[in-house]
Amino acid sequence: MSASPLVLPPVRLLPADDLAQLALAAPLLERALRLARWAAPHREVDAMGELLDDDLALAAVELGLVDADGDEVVEDGLAWTAQAWDVAVDTGLVSLEIPETAAEATQPGEAAGRAFPGETLDRVGKGDPHEILDLWLAAAESALAEAAAPDYDGLRDVLDDGDQVLLDEADWDPEEEAEFLDMALANLYALMAMDTAEGPTEPGAVPLPVLAASLVVPDEMEQPSDAVLEEVTEVMMRLDDHFRLLAPTGLLEYQPVDEALIEEEGEEGPGDAEDLDAEEISRYGMVRLTPLGVHGMRERLNDSGAEAPALGDLAEQPAAELLAALGGFPDHAARAEAELWLAGREQADAARELLAAGRGGDEEAPRRRLMAQQALAMLGPAAEPALREVLDDRELGGLARVWLAERGAADVPAPDAAMVFWLTIDTVAAQLGADAEESPELLRELVRDLVARHDGFFEAAWRVDHPATADVLEAMGRLHPDRGAAKDARKAAFKARSRTSR
């Protein structure tokens, strides 16, 4: 896969042992393993390493894809068998021995050498889950490469005059198709990761029109044009072909496009999906990555340069790394990751580490403190001594008082006005940035509430000795719905900048 700038929410992964069992049960790998064992002690192959016709038929019977009479039990049984054999060769489950002289002297389909069980089969037989997962991913990569290769039968379209289209003249670029398929699977992963990030439930299937639209419709386009909708339909049909081929890999589960629907609508797409109910949308195809597919795509994305974390990745990391990462996680994922981090630590020690990591006057510090506050909220009474230790700390004293007050702790000194306003500026600063774009209404409500609760808020706020004071006041001027308050905020921001520039 090509380098990608994607930064994705963390996903939940099954344990390696469970994933390995799923990998061994995936139809493509299961067939490849069976053929590798069936190949003992050896089978004849042609110069390309393909089985000869008679052995291919026997292999199909071995897999149960063709019966003893040569009738297909499964549609395209011989083709699926050939694919499984190719995967066995590509992954080293089967080794080839083809003398160079024989390869040069034989035609495709003629015996040129032999194939026999390879070393990979022995390694996988030892049951190491990571070996099994590496093998499965290699098998999936082989299938992905095949899916991006041209369909030679389909490309041999017959023209009106009876001449055939030459394959080298066909409009098919394997590299471009591989890139298209990679992007589709990356978008599917992203859509499912965002779905998972919203709650603990397993993500559902993604409608094929939604996935196709993610590849075609520009983010800024509110209402797709007819031309764009037509392109979405074309992409849907391309994806339909690919996903049918990829289903046996165990990478994804796919409900194909209803062929009757295509005939009814003359291959027209769903148009405005908002006008369709769930059952109607499902007829246009539904796809989801399996738990094994989530693992595989995460490996591929990380290898390509994307950031595709998994929940639990930060469990052994320092608090500073935890807080820096949580700032970019959706709320549910941030909570789940923090819980995993806290689970392996004594509460008081964890609190001290979080508080120390929250200190700082850099641009990201307010966000770190907000993440620290949310993680600290999961701790119980055993953490209280650590919170009391920072009551006089300018940066941490305010959030420590909030934590103690929420638990009804005794003898908590009231904060002075300077600490209240410092904490207020810090809280708004933590919410700016991505949150301002993603949840402007929530941030606007926070600003309005803060101003309403403090008489003369802006007159006091511009004096706060916080690195983000001027930026926060400028943002409040943009966000506050009351024109008078917004004007006061802008004046206060000007005063704050004038004070710090002296």
Protein backbone atom coordinates (compact mmCIF):
# COMPACT_ATOMS: atom_id res chain seq x y z
CA MET A 1 0.00 0.00 0.00
CA SER A 2 1.12 3.54 -0.66
CA ALA A 3 1.96 5.94 2.14
CA SER A 4 -1.09 7.35 3.82
CA PRO A 5 -1.68 10.37 6.08
CA LEU A 6 -4.64 8.72 7.76
CA VAL A 7 -4.96 9.09 11.54
CA LEU A 8 -7.63 6.66 12.73
CA PRO A 9 -9.50 5.97 15.97
CA PRO A 10 -8.27 2.92 17.90
CA VAL A 11 -9.98 -0.41 17.30
CA ARG A 12 -10.66 -3.37 19.55
CA LEU A 13 -8.69 -6.47 18.60
CA LEU A 14 -9.37 -10.04 19.60
CA PRO A 15 -6.52 -11.91 21.34
CA ALA A 16 -3.96 -13.41 18.98
CA ASP A 17 -5.05 -16.98 19.80
CA ASP A 18 -8.64 -16.21 18.83
CA LEU A 19 -7.56 -14.45 15.65
CA ALA A 20 -5.36 -17.41 14.72
CA GLN A 21 -8.31 -19.77 15.02
CA LEU A 22 -10.34 -17.52 12.74
CA ALA A 23 -7.45 -17.44 10.28
CA LEU A 24 -7.24 -21.23 10.11
CA ALA A 25 -10.99 -21.36 9.47
CA ALA A 26 -10.93 -18.77 6.67
CA PRO A 27 -11.92 -20.65 3.48
CA LEU A 28 -8.98 -19.50 1.36
CA LEU A 29 -6.27 -20.36 3.89
CA GLU A 30 -8.01 -23.56 4.95
CA ARG A 31 -8.07 -24.70 1.31
CA ALA A 32 -4.44 -23.73 0.77
CA LEU A 33 -3.38 -25.72 3.84
CA ARG A 34 -5.34 -28.76 2.69
CA LEU A 35 -3.77 -28.62 -0.75
CA ALA A 36 -0.28 -28.30 0.76
CA ARG A 37 -0.84 -31.53 2.69
CA TRP A 38 -2.49 -33.16 -0.33
CA ALA A 39 0.59 -32.36 -2.43
CA ALA A 40 2.74 -34.87 -0.46
CA PRO A 41 4.99 -36.41 -1.48
CA HIS A 42 4.83 -34.33 -4.68
CA ARG A 43 2.62 -33.24 -7.61
CA GLU A 44 3.59 -32.40 -11.15
CA VAL A 45 3.30 -28.75 -12.21
CA ASP A 46 3.91 -26.77 -15.38
CA ALA A 47 6.56 -24.11 -15.88
CA MET A 48 4.39 -21.53 -14.06
CA GLY A 49 3.93 -23.76 -11.02
CA GLU A 50 0.30 -24.50 -11.89
CA LEU A 51 -1.24 -27.92 -11.38
CA LEU A 52 -1.85 -29.99 -14.49
CA ASP A 53 -5.49 -30.38 -15.52
CA ASP A 54 -5.95 -33.88 -14.07
CA ASP A 55 -4.41 -32.92 -10.73
CA LEU A 56 -6.40 -29.67 -10.63
CA ALA A 57 -9.57 -31.73 -10.96
CA LEU A 58 -8.38 -34.07 -8.18
CA ALA A 59 -7.53 -31.08 -6.01
CA ALA A 60 -11.01 -29.65 -6.51
CA VAL A 61 -12.50 -32.98 -5.40
CA GLU A 62 -10.16 -32.96 -2.39
CA LEU A 63 -11.54 -29.55 -1.40
CA GLY A 64 -15.15 -30.63 -1.97
CA LEU A 65 -15.64 -27.97 -4.63
CA VAL A 66 -16.18 -30.57 -7.35
CA ASP A 67 -17.69 -34.05 -6.92
CA ALA A 68 -16.17 -37.32 -8.08
CA ASP A 69 -18.11 -37.12 -11.36
CA GLY A 70 -16.53 -33.76 -12.19
CA ASP A 71 -19.68 -31.74 -11.48
CA GLU A 72 -19.14 -28.49 -9.61
CA VAL A 73 -20.48 -28.52 -6.07
CA VAL A 74 -19.64 -24.82 -5.83
CA GLU A 75 -19.88 -22.44 -8.76
CA ASP A 76 -16.44 -21.85 -10.27
CA GLY A 77 -15.09 -24.70 -8.16
CA LEU A 78 -12.05 -25.21 -10.38
CA ALA A 79 -11.25 -21.49 -10.30
CA TRP A 80 -11.42 -21.41 -6.48
CA THR A 81 -9.17 -24.46 -6.39
CA ALA A 82 -6.63 -22.80 -8.67
CA GLN A 83 -6.70 -19.72 -6.45
CA ALA A 84 -6.07 -21.82 -3.32
CA TRP A 85 -3.14 -23.52 -5.06
CA ASP A 86 -1.66 -20.16 -6.06
CA VAL A 87 -1.93 -18.98 -2.46
CA ALA A 88 -0.23 -22.15 -1.23
CA VAL A 89 2.65 -21.47 -3.64
CA ASP A 90 2.84 -17.73 -2.91
CA THR A 91 2.98 -18.26 0.87
CA GLY A 92 5.52 -21.09 0.86
CA LEU A 93 3.05 -23.73 1.98
CA VAL A 94 4.05 -25.45 -1.25
CA SER A 95 7.57 -25.39 -2.67
CA LEU A 96 8.38 -25.73 -6.37
CA GLU A 97 11.23 -27.55 -8.07
CA ILE A 98 11.27 -26.64 -11.79
CA PRO A 99 14.52 -27.12 -13.71
CA GLU A 100 15.31 -24.16 -15.96
CA THR A 101 15.77 -26.38 -19.00
CA ALA A 102 12.35 -28.00 -18.49
CA ALA A 103 10.70 -24.60 -18.04
CA GLU A 104 12.11 -23.41 -21.37
CA ALA A 105 11.20 -26.61 -23.24
CA THR A 106 7.55 -26.96 -22.13
CA GLN A 107 4.30 -25.21 -22.85
CA PRO A 108 1.74 -24.06 -20.24
CA GLY A 109 -0.18 -27.08 -19.02
CA GLU A 110 2.71 -29.48 -19.66
CA ALA A 111 4.69 -31.08 -16.84
CA ALA A 112 7.89 -29.12 -16.17
CA GLY A 113 8.65 -29.85 -12.52
CA ARG A 114 7.11 -30.83 -9.24
CA ALA A 115 5.59 -29.30 -6.12
CA PHE A 116 5.80 -30.59 -2.57
CA PRO A 117 4.89 -29.38 0.96
CA GLY A 118 7.01 -26.39 1.96
CA GLU A 119 8.71 -25.29 5.16
CA THR A 120 5.91 -22.85 5.96
CA LEU A 121 3.54 -25.78 6.47
CA ASP A 122 5.85 -27.21 9.16
CA ARG A 123 6.13 -23.84 10.93
CA VAL A 124 2.39 -23.28 10.96
CA GLY A 125 1.87 -26.80 12.23
CA LYS A 126 3.59 -25.81 15.48
CA GLY A 127 0.58 -23.64 16.31
CA ASP A 128 2.28 -20.29 16.98
CA PRO A 129 -0.60 -17.76 16.60
CA HIS A 130 1.68 -15.05 15.21
CA GLU A 131 3.06 -17.43 12.56
CA ILE A 132 -0.51 -18.33 11.62
CA LEU A 133 -1.57 -14.68 11.41
CA ASP A 134 1.45 -13.80 9.28
CA LEU A 135 0.56 -16.68 6.96
CA TRP A 136 -3.06 -15.58 6.75
CA LEU A 137 -2.06 -12.00 5.95
CA ALA A 138 0.27 -13.26 3.20
CA ALA A 139 -2.64 -15.30 1.79
CA ALA A 140 -4.89 -12.24 1.91
CA GLU A 141 -2.23 -10.15 0.15
CA SER A 142 -2.06 -12.80 -2.58
CA ALA A 143 -5.83 -12.65 -3.02
CA LEU A 144 -5.77 -8.84 -3.10
CA ALA A 145 -3.15 -8.89 -5.83
CA GLU A 146 -5.28 -11.33 -7.82
CA ALA A 147 -8.38 -9.16 -7.33
CA ALA A 148 -6.53 -6.21 -8.84
CA ALA A 149 -5.32 -8.23 -11.83
CA PRO A 150 -7.30 -7.97 -15.09
CA ASP A 151 -10.18 -10.34 -15.74
CA TYR A 152 -8.91 -11.62 -19.06
CA ASP A 153 -12.15 -13.32 -19.98
CA GLY A 154 -14.08 -10.16 -19.24
CA LEU A 155 -11.64 -8.05 -21.21
CA ARG A 156 -12.03 -10.16 -24.34
CA ASP A 157 -15.17 -8.33 -25.35
CA VAL A 158 -16.30 -8.90 -28.89
CA LEU A 159 -16.77 -5.85 -31.09
CA ASP A 160 -19.61 -5.40 -33.57
CA ASP A 161 -17.34 -6.48 -36.43
CA GLY A 162 -16.32 -9.64 -34.60
CA ASP A 163 -12.77 -8.52 -33.84
CA GLN A 164 -11.53 -8.96 -30.28
CA VAL A 165 -10.22 -6.14 -28.14
CA LEU A 166 -6.48 -6.63 -27.60
CA LEU A 167 -5.65 -6.98 -23.92
CA ASP A 168 -2.83 -4.45 -24.10
CA GLU A 169 -5.33 -1.94 -25.47
CA ALA A 170 -7.83 -2.52 -22.67
CA ASP A 171 -8.44 0.26 -20.19
CA TRP A 172 -7.06 -1.61 -17.20
CA ASP A 173 -4.16 -0.60 -14.99
CA PRO A 174 -3.41 -3.24 -12.30
CA GLU A 175 -1.49 -0.72 -10.16
CA GLU A 176 -4.34 1.76 -10.34
CA GLU A 177 -6.86 -0.97 -9.50
CA ALA A 178 -4.75 -2.14 -6.55
CA GLU A 179 -4.58 1.44 -5.27
CA PHE A 180 -8.36 1.79 -5.69
CA LEU A 181 -8.96 -1.42 -3.73
CA ASP A 182 -6.50 -0.37 -1.01
CA MET A 183 -8.29 2.95 -0.61
CA ALA A 184 -11.69 1.27 -0.47
CA LEU A 185 -10.55 -1.10 2.28
CA ALA A 186 -8.87 1.76 4.17
CA ASN A 187 -12.10 3.78 4.04
CA LEU A 188 -14.07 0.73 5.19
CA TYR A 189 -11.67 0.35 8.11
CA ALA A 190 -12.03 4.05 8.96
CA LEU A 191 -15.83 3.94 8.83
CA MET A 192 -15.90 0.88 11.09
CA ALA A 193 -13.29 2.33 13.46
CA MET A 194 -15.36 5.49 13.89
CA ASP A 195 -18.45 3.34 14.46
CA THR A 196 -16.64 1.34 17.16
CA ALA A 197 -15.35 4.54 18.74
CA GLU A 198 -18.89 5.68 19.45
CA GLY A 199 -19.61 2.78 21.81
CA PRO A 200 -18.67 -0.71 22.98
CA THR A 201 -20.85 -2.58 20.50
CA GLU A 202 -19.40 -4.36 17.49
CA PRO A 203 -19.60 -2.17 14.39
CA GLY A 204 -22.27 -3.03 11.87
CA ALA A 205 -21.96 -3.51 8.15
CA VAL A 206 -21.41 -0.48 5.92
CA PRO A 207 -23.82 0.01 3.00
CA LEU A 208 -21.96 -0.30 -0.29
CA PRO A 209 -23.31 3.09 -1.54
CA VAL A 210 -21.85 4.76 1.57
CA LEU A 211 -18.44 3.20 0.99
CA ALA A 212 -18.54 4.07 -2.71
CA ALA A 213 -19.52 7.66 -1.92
CA SER A 214 -16.56 7.97 0.46
CA LEU A 215 -14.30 7.30 -2.52
CA VAL A 216 -16.02 9.67 -4.93
CA VAL A 217 -17.98 12.49 -3.28
CA PRO A 218 -15.80 15.44 -2.15
CA ASP A 219 -16.14 16.32 1.54
CA GLU A 220 -17.27 19.85 0.73
CA MET A 221 -20.04 18.73 -1.66
CA GLU A 222 -23.39 18.99 0.12
CA GLN A 223 -25.58 17.69 -2.72
CA PRO A 224 -23.92 15.32 -5.22
CA SER A 225 -24.57 16.08 -8.87
CA ASP A 226 -26.05 13.51 -11.26
CA ALA A 227 -22.58 12.92 -12.70
CA VAL A 228 -21.17 12.20 -9.25
CA LEU A 229 -24.06 9.85 -8.43
CA GLU A 230 -23.41 8.00 -11.67
CA GLU A 231 -19.76 7.64 -10.69
CA VAL A 232 -20.82 6.32 -7.27
CA THR A 233 -22.85 3.63 -9.06
CA GLU A 234 -19.86 2.67 -11.21
CA VAL A 235 -17.65 2.42 -8.13
CA MET A 236 -20.27 0.28 -6.39
CA MET A 237 -20.19 -2.24 -9.22
CA ARG A 238 -16.37 -2.32 -9.18
CA LEU A 239 -16.43 -2.94 -5.44
CA ASP A 240 -19.09 -5.60 -5.85
CA ASP A 241 -16.80 -7.56 -8.18
CA HIS A 242 -13.83 -7.22 -5.84
CA PHE A 243 -15.65 -8.09 -2.64
CA ARG A 244 -17.17 -11.24 -4.11
CA LEU A 245 -13.61 -12.42 -4.83
CA LEU A 246 -12.30 -11.41 -1.41
CA ALA A 247 -15.04 -12.97 0.74
CA PRO A 248 -13.25 -16.37 1.01
CA THR A 249 -10.14 -14.70 2.46
CA GLY A 250 -11.84 -14.08 5.80
CA LEU A 251 -10.98 -10.41 5.39
CA LEU A 252 -14.58 -9.29 5.08
CA GLU A 253 -18.19 -10.37 5.14
CA TYR A 254 -20.13 -9.27 2.09
CA GLN A 255 -23.77 -9.24 1.11
CA PRO A 256 -23.63 -8.69 -2.68
CA VAL A 257 -25.69 -6.24 -4.66
CA ASP A 258 -29.10 -7.74 -5.41
CA GLU A 259 -28.92 -8.68 -9.09
CA ALA A 260 -32.69 -8.42 -9.41
CA LEU A 261 -32.40 -4.81 -8.25
CA ILE A 262 -29.85 -4.07 -10.95
CA GLU A 263 -32.15 -5.48 -13.60
CA GLU A 264 -35.12 -3.54 -12.21
CA GLU A 265 -33.29 -0.22 -12.23
CA GLY A 266 -31.13 -0.70 -15.31
CA GLU A 267 -27.98 -0.55 -13.18
CA GLU A 268 -28.99 2.76 -11.65
CA GLY A 269 -27.70 3.45 -8.17
CA PRO A 270 -29.74 4.20 -5.06
CA GLY A 271 -29.83 7.96 -5.65
CA ASP A 272 -30.58 9.68 -2.35
CA ALA A 273 -30.00 6.99 0.27
CA GLU A 274 -31.88 9.06 2.85
CA ASP A 275 -35.12 8.20 1.06
CA LEU A 276 -34.54 4.44 1.47
CA ASP A 277 -35.21 2.28 4.51
CA ALA A 278 -32.61 -0.14 5.92
CA GLU A 279 -33.96 -3.14 3.99
CA GLU A 280 -33.88 -1.25 0.67
CA ILE A 281 -30.36 0.01 1.31
CA SER A 282 -29.15 -3.52 2.10
CA ARG A 283 -30.18 -4.62 -1.39
CA TYR A 284 -27.42 -2.39 -2.76
CA GLY A 285 -24.81 -4.43 -0.87
CA MET A 286 -23.48 -4.47 2.70
CA VAL A 287 -19.88 -5.04 3.73
CA ARG A 288 -17.96 -5.25 6.99
CA LEU A 289 -14.46 -6.24 7.98
CA THR A 290 -14.38 -9.36 10.11
CA PRO A 291 -12.42 -9.23 13.40
CA LEU A 292 -9.66 -10.96 11.43
CA GLY A 293 -10.02 -8.33 8.71
CA VAL A 294 -9.72 -5.51 11.24
CA HIS A 295 -6.43 -7.03 12.41
CA GLY A 296 -5.18 -7.48 8.86
CA MET A 297 -6.14 -4.00 7.68
CA ARG A 298 -4.59 -2.43 10.77
CA GLU A 299 -1.32 -4.21 9.98
CA ARG A 300 -1.46 -3.01 6.36
CA LEU A 301 -2.32 0.56 7.33
CA ASN A 302 0.46 0.81 9.89
CA ASP A 303 2.92 -0.57 7.34
CA SER A 304 1.77 2.11 4.88
CA GLY A 305 2.54 4.95 7.30
CA ALA A 306 -0.95 5.54 8.69
CA GLU A 307 -1.65 5.71 12.41
CA ALA A 308 -4.00 2.84 13.19
CA PRO A 309 -3.83 2.20 16.94
CA ALA A 310 -5.51 -0.56 18.90
CA LEU A 311 -7.03 -0.22 22.34
CA GLY A 312 -4.45 -1.31 24.89
CA ASP A 313 -1.43 -0.13 22.88
CA LEU A 314 -0.73 2.51 25.55
CA ALA A 315 -1.27 0.35 28.63
CA GLU A 316 2.45 0.10 29.38
CA GLN A 317 3.43 3.57 28.18
CA PRO A 318 4.22 6.62 30.36
CA ALA A 319 1.34 8.91 31.29
CA ALA A 320 2.68 11.66 29.02
CA GLU A 321 2.28 9.42 25.95
CA LEU A 322 -1.17 8.34 27.11
CA LEU A 323 -2.46 11.90 27.53
CA ALA A 324 -0.97 13.07 24.23
CA ALA A 325 -2.74 10.25 22.38
CA LEU A 326 -6.09 10.51 24.20
CA GLY A 327 -6.50 14.08 23.00
CA GLY A 328 -7.09 12.75 19.48
CA PHE A 329 -9.36 9.83 20.45
CA PRO A 330 -13.18 9.88 20.38
CA ASP A 331 -14.68 10.04 23.88
CA HIS A 332 -15.57 6.36 24.24
CA ALA A 333 -12.21 5.18 22.92
CA ALA A 334 -10.35 7.61 25.20
CA ARG A 335 -12.20 6.26 28.22
CA ALA A 336 -11.55 2.64 27.25
CA GLU A 337 -7.82 3.29 26.71
CA ALA A 338 -7.53 5.15 30.01
CA GLU A 339 -9.24 2.28 31.85
CA LEU A 340 -6.73 -0.19 30.39
CA TRP A 341 -3.84 2.09 31.42
CA LEU A 342 -5.15 2.47 34.98
CA ALA A 343 -5.87 -1.24 35.40
CA GLY A 344 -2.21 -2.16 35.85
CA ARG A 345 -1.29 0.58 38.35
CA GLU A 346 -1.82 1.50 42.00
CA GLN A 347 -4.35 4.33 42.15
CA ALA A 348 -2.21 6.84 44.04
CA ASP A 349 0.80 6.19 41.82
CA ALA A 350 -1.33 6.48 38.69
CA ALA A 351 -2.78 9.78 39.91
CA ARG A 352 0.66 11.24 40.59
CA GLU A 353 1.91 10.18 37.16
CA LEU A 354 -1.13 11.67 35.42
CA LEU A 355 -0.85 14.94 37.32
CA ALA A 356 2.85 15.27 36.56
CA ALA A 357 2.22 14.60 32.87
CA GLY A 358 -0.48 17.28 32.83
CA ARG A 359 1.89 20.10 33.75
CA GLY A 360 3.26 22.52 31.19
CA GLY A 361 2.74 25.81 29.42
CA ASP A 362 2.98 24.52 25.86
CA GLU A 363 0.12 24.69 23.38
CA GLU A 364 -0.99 21.08 24.02
CA ALA A 365 -0.86 21.32 27.82
CA PRO A 366 -4.52 22.34 28.36
CA ARG A 367 -5.65 19.32 26.34
CA ARG A 368 -3.35 17.06 28.38
CA ARG A 369 -4.80 18.40 31.61
CA LEU A 370 -8.33 17.80 30.35
CA MET A 371 -7.40 14.20 29.47
CA ALA A 372 -5.73 13.82 32.88
CA GLN A 373 -8.88 15.12 34.58
CA GLN A 374 -11.03 12.60 32.71
CA ALA A 375 -8.69 9.73 33.61
CA LEU A 376 -8.52 10.83 37.24
CA ALA A 377 -12.32 10.74 37.38
CA MET A 378 -12.11 6.94 37.10
CA LEU A 379 -10.07 6.64 40.32
CA GLY A 380 -11.45 6.05 43.79
CA PRO A 381 -10.60 7.21 47.32
CA ALA A 382 -7.14 5.63 47.21
CA ALA A 383 -6.03 8.41 44.89
CA GLU A 384 -7.03 11.22 47.26
CA PRO A 385 -3.56 11.79 48.82
CA ALA A 386 -2.08 12.42 45.36
CA LEU A 387 -4.75 15.04 44.58
CA ARG A 388 -4.22 16.82 47.90
CA GLU A 389 -0.51 17.12 47.16
CA VAL A 390 -1.18 19.54 44.28
CA LEU A 391 -3.84 21.79 45.85
CA ASP A 392 -1.44 24.75 45.85
CA ASP A 393 -0.19 24.09 42.30
CA ARG A 394 -1.37 26.85 39.94
CA GLU A 395 -1.82 24.48 36.98
CA LEU A 396 -3.29 21.51 38.85
CA GLY A 397 -4.86 22.96 42.00
CA GLY A 398 -8.16 23.79 40.32
CA LEU A 399 -8.79 20.35 38.85
CA ALA A 400 -7.66 18.76 42.12
CA ARG A 401 -10.30 20.75 44.01
CA VAL A 402 -12.95 19.71 41.49
CA TRP A 403 -11.99 16.05 41.93
CA LEU A 404 -12.10 16.25 45.73
CA ALA A 405 -15.34 18.23 45.83
CA GLU A 406 -17.11 15.76 43.56
CA ARG A 407 -16.28 13.02 46.08
CA GLY A 408 -17.41 15.02 49.12
CA ALA A 409 -13.93 15.20 50.59
CA ALA A 410 -13.55 17.21 53.79
CA ASP A 411 -11.32 20.22 54.39
CA VAL A 412 -10.93 21.20 50.75
CA PRO A 413 -9.81 24.86 50.66
CA ALA A 414 -11.87 27.10 48.42
CA PRO A 415 -10.01 28.35 45.33
CA ASP A 416 -9.22 32.03 45.07
CA ALA A 417 -10.52 34.06 42.13
CA ALA A 418 -7.21 33.83 40.26
CA MET A 419 -7.31 30.02 40.32
CA VAL A 420 -10.96 29.94 39.22
CA PHE A 421 -10.29 32.11 36.19
CA TRP A 422 -7.04 30.30 35.34
CA LEU A 423 -8.92 26.97 35.35
CA THR A 424 -11.68 28.51 33.22
CA ILE A 425 -9.22 29.73 30.57
CA ASP A 426 -7.45 26.39 30.66
CA THR A 427 -10.70 24.47 30.21
CA VAL A 428 -11.78 26.49 27.16
CA ALA A 429 -8.26 26.26 25.67
CA ALA A 430 -8.47 22.47 25.94
CA GLN A 431 -11.74 22.46 24.00
CA LEU A 432 -10.49 24.60 21.11
CA GLY A 433 -8.99 23.16 17.93
CA ALA A 434 -10.68 20.06 16.52
CA ASP A 435 -13.59 20.33 18.95
CA ALA A 436 -14.39 23.83 17.73
CA GLU A 437 -14.92 22.45 14.23
CA GLU A 438 -16.58 19.14 15.15
CA SER A 439 -18.84 20.34 17.97
CA PRO A 440 -19.26 24.11 17.62
CA GLU A 441 -22.65 24.15 19.34
CA LEU A 442 -21.32 22.39 22.44
CA LEU A 443 -18.39 24.79 22.66
CA ARG A 444 -20.69 27.77 22.10
CA GLU A 445 -22.89 26.57 24.98
CA LEU A 446 -19.83 26.20 27.23
CA VAL A 447 -18.73 29.76 26.47
CA ARG A 448 -22.20 31.19 27.08
CA ASP A 449 -22.50 29.30 30.40
CA LEU A 450 -19.10 30.45 31.66
CA VAL A 451 -19.81 34.10 30.95
CA ALA A 452 -23.28 33.86 32.52
CA ARG A 453 -21.91 32.41 35.77
CA HIS A 454 -19.28 35.09 36.32
CA ASP A 455 -20.18 38.78 36.62
CA GLY A 456 -17.62 40.92 34.86
CA PHE A 457 -16.05 37.83 33.33
CA PHE A 458 -14.11 39.54 30.55
CA GLU A 459 -12.82 42.35 32.76
CA ALA A 460 -11.20 39.74 34.98
CA ALA A 461 -10.30 37.18 32.32
CA TRP A 462 -7.89 39.35 30.31
CA ARG A 463 -5.66 39.64 33.38
CA VAL A 464 -5.24 35.84 33.73
CA ASP A 465 -1.60 34.78 33.47
CA HIS A 466 -2.16 31.84 31.14
CA PRO A 467 -0.35 31.32 27.80
CA ALA A 468 -3.66 30.83 25.99
CA THR A 469 -5.61 33.76 27.50
CA ALA A 470 -5.66 35.96 24.38
CA ASP A 471 -6.46 33.04 22.05
CA VAL A 472 -9.29 31.88 24.29
CA LEU A 473 -10.84 35.33 24.51
CA GLU A 474 -10.66 35.76 20.73
CA ALA A 475 -12.39 32.39 20.30
CA MET A 476 -15.06 33.40 22.82
CA GLY A 477 -15.64 36.53 20.77
CA ARG A 478 -16.33 34.36 17.72
CA LEU A 479 -18.48 31.84 19.57
CA HIS A 480 -20.65 33.84 21.97
CA PRO A 481 -24.13 34.29 20.47
CA ASP A 482 -24.72 37.65 22.16
CA ARG A 483 -23.24 40.50 20.11
CA GLY A 484 -22.48 42.62 23.17
CA ALA A 485 -20.69 39.81 24.98
CA ALA A 486 -18.79 38.92 21.80
CA LYS A 487 -17.59 42.52 21.51
CA ASP A 488 -16.47 42.53 25.17
CA ALA A 489 -14.55 39.31 24.52
CA ARG A 490 -12.69 40.84 21.58
CA LYS A 491 -11.79 43.93 23.64
CA ALA A 492 -10.53 41.68 26.43
CA ALA A 493 -8.44 39.70 23.95
CA PHE A 494 -6.83 42.93 22.72
CA LYS A 495 -5.98 43.91 26.31
CA ALA A 496 -4.52 40.48 26.98
CA ARG A 497 -2.26 40.70 23.95
CA SER A 498 -1.22 44.26 24.86
CA ARG A 499 -0.32 43.12 28.38
CA THR A 500 1.81 40.18 27.26
CA SER A 501 3.59 42.20 24.54
CA ARG A 502 4.98 44.75 27.00
